[in-house]
Each structure stands twice: as structure tokens, then as C-alpha cells.
Amino acid sequence: MFLTSYCRDVLLQWKSITGPTFSEFVFANPQNPSMQIKDYKRQWRTVAKKAEIVGHRLSDTRSTFASRVNLFAHSILTVFGAVAGHGAAV
């Protein structure tokens, strides 16, 4: 999984706050931490409403992230290709 060092640090901080025995999941079910939350729609609607986010689905965020990672990876491949002496890396 692609993670920035910032994301990794935040996840480690979360684990130190919740404790090592709380749950193996980042998004644990509060009533049963041994199970993960599988459907975020209700939670997303609540958060989006409080943050005054209109017309933006949670899946839009995932798609945007995937597109940006893909763009970044393409850029890196282009740079590596140029450094390696290839005319067209991708």
C-alpha cells in the first residue's frame, strides 16, 4: 500500500492513542473492535454535513487519490526513463 511518511506517522500515533490491543483495524467497529467498519456511507454523510461538503462522495476522494498516485508514478517513470537514456519511458 502506498503511504506517505506523514500518513504512517499519523497511523502510528493513532495506535499509541488507542493502545496496541484495541484493534488491528484503523476503522474499527466501536461496539466490537475486532470487526472493521465496512460501510462508511452514514458516517461520511455526517462528516460531510458537519464540514459543509456538498456533492462529494467518499468514493470521489478515493478516485482523486488514485489518479494523483498514478500521475506521480508516471512522472517518476518518465524521470527514470530520461535518466536511463530512454527517449520514451512509458
N, C-alpha and C. Protein backbone atom coordinates (compact mmCIF):
# COMPACT_ATOMS: atom_id res chain seq x y z
N MET A 1 0.84 -1.17 0.00
CA MET A 1 0.00 0.00 0.00
C MET A 1 0.89 1.23 0.00
N PHE A 2 0.53 2.21 -0.80
CA PHE A 2 1.26 3.47 -0.88
C PHE A 2 0.88 4.35 0.30
N LEU A 3 1.85 4.73 1.11
CA LEU A 3 1.62 5.65 2.24
C LEU A 3 2.75 6.65 2.29
N THR A 4 2.40 7.89 2.54
CA THR A 4 3.43 8.89 2.78
C THR A 4 3.96 8.70 4.20
N SER A 5 5.09 9.28 4.48
CA SER A 5 5.64 9.18 5.84
C SER A 5 4.70 9.88 6.83
N TYR A 6 4.02 10.93 6.39
CA TYR A 6 3.07 11.62 7.25
C TYR A 6 1.92 10.68 7.64
N CYS A 7 1.36 9.97 6.65
CA CYS A 7 0.27 9.03 6.93
C CYS A 7 0.73 7.94 7.88
N ARG A 8 1.92 7.42 7.64
CA ARG A 8 2.46 6.38 8.51
C ARG A 8 2.58 6.88 9.94
N ASP A 9 3.10 8.11 10.10
CA ASP A 9 3.25 8.68 11.44
C ASP A 9 1.90 8.87 12.13
N VAL A 10 0.90 9.32 11.38
CA VAL A 10 -0.43 9.51 11.95
C VAL A 10 -1.02 8.17 12.39
N LEU A 11 -0.85 7.13 11.57
CA LEU A 11 -1.35 5.81 11.95
C LEU A 11 -0.64 5.27 13.19
N LEU A 12 0.66 5.49 13.28
CA LEU A 12 1.39 5.05 14.48
C LEU A 12 0.94 5.84 15.71
N GLN A 13 0.66 7.12 15.53
CA GLN A 13 0.16 7.94 16.63
C GLN A 13 -1.22 7.44 17.07
N TRP A 14 -2.07 7.12 16.09
CA TRP A 14 -3.41 6.59 16.39
C TRP A 14 -3.29 5.30 17.21
N LYS A 15 -2.36 4.44 16.81
CA LYS A 15 -2.18 3.18 17.54
C LYS A 15 -1.70 3.44 18.96
N SER A 16 -0.86 4.44 19.14
CA SER A 16 -0.38 4.75 20.50
C SER A 16 -1.51 5.34 21.35
N ILE A 17 -2.45 6.04 20.72
CA ILE A 17 -3.58 6.62 21.46
C ILE A 17 -4.58 5.53 21.85
N THR A 18 -4.89 4.64 20.89
CA THR A 18 -5.90 3.61 21.15
C THR A 18 -5.33 2.42 21.90
N GLY A 19 -4.03 2.25 21.85
CA GLY A 19 -3.40 1.13 22.53
C GLY A 19 -3.24 -0.07 21.60
N PRO A 20 -2.22 -0.86 21.83
CA PRO A 20 -1.91 -1.97 20.91
C PRO A 20 -2.94 -3.09 20.91
N THR A 21 -3.77 -3.15 21.92
CA THR A 21 -4.75 -4.24 21.98
C THR A 21 -6.15 -3.82 21.54
N PHE A 22 -6.34 -2.54 21.18
CA PHE A 22 -7.68 -2.06 20.82
C PHE A 22 -8.22 -2.78 19.59
N SER A 23 -7.53 -2.70 18.47
CA SER A 23 -8.00 -3.33 17.24
C SER A 23 -6.88 -3.33 16.22
N GLU A 24 -6.92 -4.31 15.33
CA GLU A 24 -5.96 -4.33 14.23
C GLU A 24 -6.40 -3.40 13.10
N PHE A 25 -7.65 -2.89 13.17
CA PHE A 25 -8.21 -2.06 12.11
C PHE A 25 -8.09 -0.58 12.44
N VAL A 26 -7.88 0.23 11.43
CA VAL A 26 -7.87 1.68 11.61
C VAL A 26 -9.29 2.14 11.90
N PHE A 27 -10.24 1.61 11.14
CA PHE A 27 -11.65 1.96 11.32
C PHE A 27 -12.38 0.77 11.94
N ALA A 28 -12.19 0.64 13.23
CA ALA A 28 -12.81 -0.48 13.95
C ALA A 28 -14.24 -0.14 14.31
N ASN A 29 -15.05 -1.16 14.41
CA ASN A 29 -16.42 -1.01 14.86
C ASN A 29 -16.36 -0.65 16.35
N PRO A 30 -16.89 0.50 16.76
CA PRO A 30 -16.80 0.90 18.17
C PRO A 30 -17.45 -0.09 19.13
N GLN A 31 -18.51 -0.77 18.69
CA GLN A 31 -19.17 -1.75 19.56
C GLN A 31 -18.42 -3.07 19.61
N ASN A 32 -17.65 -3.37 18.57
CA ASN A 32 -16.89 -4.62 18.52
C ASN A 32 -15.58 -4.37 17.76
N PRO A 33 -14.53 -3.90 18.46
CA PRO A 33 -13.27 -3.53 17.81
C PRO A 33 -12.58 -4.67 17.03
N SER A 34 -13.02 -5.91 17.24
CA SER A 34 -12.41 -6.99 16.47
C SER A 34 -12.97 -7.06 15.05
N MET A 35 -13.96 -6.21 14.77
CA MET A 35 -14.54 -6.14 13.43
C MET A 35 -14.30 -4.75 12.84
N GLN A 36 -14.08 -4.70 11.55
CA GLN A 36 -13.90 -3.41 10.90
C GLN A 36 -15.24 -2.84 10.45
N ILE A 37 -15.28 -1.53 10.25
CA ILE A 37 -16.45 -0.89 9.67
C ILE A 37 -16.35 -1.10 8.16
N LYS A 38 -17.38 -1.68 7.57
CA LYS A 38 -17.35 -1.98 6.14
C LYS A 38 -18.15 -1.00 5.31
N ASP A 39 -19.07 -0.31 5.91
CA ASP A 39 -19.91 0.63 5.18
C ASP A 39 -19.77 2.00 5.85
N TYR A 40 -19.22 2.95 5.10
CA TYR A 40 -18.94 4.27 5.65
C TYR A 40 -19.96 5.33 5.22
N LYS A 41 -20.99 4.92 4.51
CA LYS A 41 -21.91 5.90 3.92
C LYS A 41 -22.56 6.80 4.97
N ARG A 42 -23.08 6.22 6.03
CA ARG A 42 -23.74 7.03 7.06
C ARG A 42 -22.74 7.97 7.73
N GLN A 43 -21.57 7.43 8.06
CA GLN A 43 -20.54 8.25 8.71
C GLN A 43 -20.09 9.38 7.78
N TRP A 44 -19.92 9.05 6.50
CA TRP A 44 -19.48 10.07 5.53
C TRP A 44 -20.52 11.18 5.42
N ARG A 45 -21.80 10.82 5.37
CA ARG A 45 -22.85 11.86 5.29
C ARG A 45 -22.80 12.77 6.51
N THR A 46 -22.58 12.21 7.68
CA THR A 46 -22.50 13.01 8.91
C THR A 46 -21.30 13.95 8.87
N VAL A 47 -20.14 13.41 8.52
CA VAL A 47 -18.92 14.22 8.46
C VAL A 47 -19.04 15.30 7.38
N ALA A 48 -19.53 14.92 6.20
CA ALA A 48 -19.67 15.88 5.10
C ALA A 48 -20.63 17.01 5.48
N LYS A 49 -21.72 16.68 6.16
CA LYS A 49 -22.67 17.70 6.58
C LYS A 49 -22.03 18.67 7.56
N LYS A 50 -21.30 18.13 8.55
CA LYS A 50 -20.65 18.99 9.55
C LYS A 50 -19.57 19.87 8.92
N ALA A 51 -18.88 19.33 7.90
CA ALA A 51 -17.82 20.08 7.23
C ALA A 51 -18.35 20.92 6.08
N GLU A 52 -19.67 20.87 5.87
CA GLU A 52 -20.33 21.61 4.80
C GLU A 52 -19.77 21.23 3.43
N ILE A 53 -19.55 19.93 3.23
CA ILE A 53 -19.10 19.40 1.95
C ILE A 53 -20.34 18.95 1.19
N VAL A 54 -20.58 19.55 0.04
CA VAL A 54 -21.78 19.26 -0.73
C VAL A 54 -21.39 18.63 -2.07
N GLY A 55 -22.09 17.57 -2.46
CA GLY A 55 -21.89 16.98 -3.77
C GLY A 55 -20.58 16.23 -3.93
N HIS A 56 -20.04 15.72 -2.85
CA HIS A 56 -18.77 15.00 -2.90
C HIS A 56 -18.93 13.67 -2.18
N ARG A 57 -18.81 12.58 -2.93
CA ARG A 57 -18.93 11.26 -2.31
C ARG A 57 -17.57 10.79 -1.81
N LEU A 58 -17.57 9.91 -0.85
CA LEU A 58 -16.32 9.37 -0.33
C LEU A 58 -15.53 8.68 -1.44
N SER A 59 -16.23 8.01 -2.35
CA SER A 59 -15.53 7.34 -3.46
C SER A 59 -14.85 8.35 -4.38
N ASP A 60 -15.35 9.60 -4.42
CA ASP A 60 -14.67 10.64 -5.21
C ASP A 60 -13.28 10.90 -4.64
N THR A 61 -13.17 10.88 -3.33
CA THR A 61 -11.88 11.09 -2.67
C THR A 61 -10.91 9.97 -3.03
N ARG A 62 -11.40 8.74 -3.00
CA ARG A 62 -10.56 7.60 -3.35
C ARG A 62 -10.11 7.68 -4.81
N SER A 63 -11.01 8.06 -5.69
CA SER A 63 -10.67 8.18 -7.10
C SER A 63 -9.63 9.27 -7.33
N THR A 64 -9.81 10.40 -6.64
CA THR A 64 -8.85 11.50 -6.76
C THR A 64 -7.47 11.05 -6.29
N PHE A 65 -7.43 10.35 -5.16
CA PHE A 65 -6.16 9.86 -4.64
C PHE A 65 -5.49 8.92 -5.64
N ALA A 66 -6.26 7.98 -6.18
CA ALA A 66 -5.71 7.02 -7.14
C ALA A 66 -5.18 7.73 -8.38
N SER A 67 -5.90 8.72 -8.85
CA SER A 67 -5.45 9.47 -10.02
C SER A 67 -4.14 10.20 -9.75
N ARG A 68 -4.03 10.79 -8.57
CA ARG A 68 -2.81 11.53 -8.23
C ARG A 68 -1.62 10.59 -8.04
N VAL A 69 -1.85 9.44 -7.45
CA VAL A 69 -0.77 8.47 -7.31
C VAL A 69 -0.31 8.01 -8.69
N ASN A 70 -1.29 7.75 -9.56
CA ASN A 70 -0.96 7.33 -10.92
C ASN A 70 -0.17 8.42 -11.64
N LEU A 71 -0.57 9.66 -11.48
CA LEU A 71 0.15 10.77 -12.10
C LEU A 71 1.58 10.84 -11.57
N PHE A 72 1.73 10.71 -10.26
CA PHE A 72 3.04 10.76 -9.63
C PHE A 72 3.91 9.62 -10.14
N ALA A 73 3.35 8.42 -10.19
CA ALA A 73 4.12 7.26 -10.64
C ALA A 73 4.56 7.45 -12.08
N HIS A 74 3.67 8.00 -12.91
CA HIS A 74 4.02 8.26 -14.31
C HIS A 74 5.18 9.24 -14.37
N SER A 75 5.14 10.31 -13.56
CA SER A 75 6.20 11.30 -13.55
C SER A 75 7.53 10.67 -13.17
N ILE A 76 7.52 9.83 -12.14
CA ILE A 76 8.75 9.17 -11.69
C ILE A 76 9.30 8.28 -12.79
N LEU A 77 8.42 7.50 -13.46
CA LEU A 77 8.87 6.63 -14.54
C LEU A 77 9.47 7.44 -15.68
N THR A 78 8.88 8.59 -15.98
CA THR A 78 9.40 9.45 -17.04
C THR A 78 10.80 9.95 -16.68
N VAL A 79 10.96 10.37 -15.43
CA VAL A 79 12.27 10.86 -14.98
C VAL A 79 13.30 9.73 -15.03
N PHE A 80 12.94 8.56 -14.49
CA PHE A 80 13.86 7.43 -14.51
C PHE A 80 14.22 7.05 -15.94
N GLY A 81 13.22 7.07 -16.82
CA GLY A 81 13.48 6.75 -18.22
C GLY A 81 14.45 7.72 -18.85
N ALA A 82 14.27 9.00 -18.57
CA ALA A 82 15.17 10.02 -19.11
C ALA A 82 16.58 9.85 -18.57
N VAL A 83 16.68 9.58 -17.27
CA VAL A 83 18.00 9.39 -16.64
C VAL A 83 18.69 8.15 -17.23
N ALA A 84 17.89 7.12 -17.53
CA ALA A 84 18.45 5.89 -18.09
C ALA A 84 18.75 6.00 -19.59
N GLY A 85 18.37 7.14 -20.18
CA GLY A 85 18.68 7.36 -21.59
C GLY A 85 17.62 6.89 -22.56
N HIS A 86 16.42 6.61 -22.05
CA HIS A 86 15.33 6.18 -22.92
C HIS A 86 14.59 7.41 -23.45
N GLY A 87 14.24 7.38 -24.72
CA GLY A 87 13.52 8.51 -25.32
C GLY A 87 12.11 8.61 -24.79
N ALA A 88 11.40 7.49 -24.70
CA ALA A 88 10.03 7.47 -24.18
C ALA A 88 9.96 6.37 -23.13
N ALA A 89 9.86 6.80 -21.87
CA ALA A 89 9.87 5.83 -20.77
C ALA A 89 8.57 5.03 -20.68
N VAL A 90 7.47 5.66 -20.99
CA VAL A 90 6.19 4.99 -20.84
C VAL A 90 5.40 5.10 -22.12
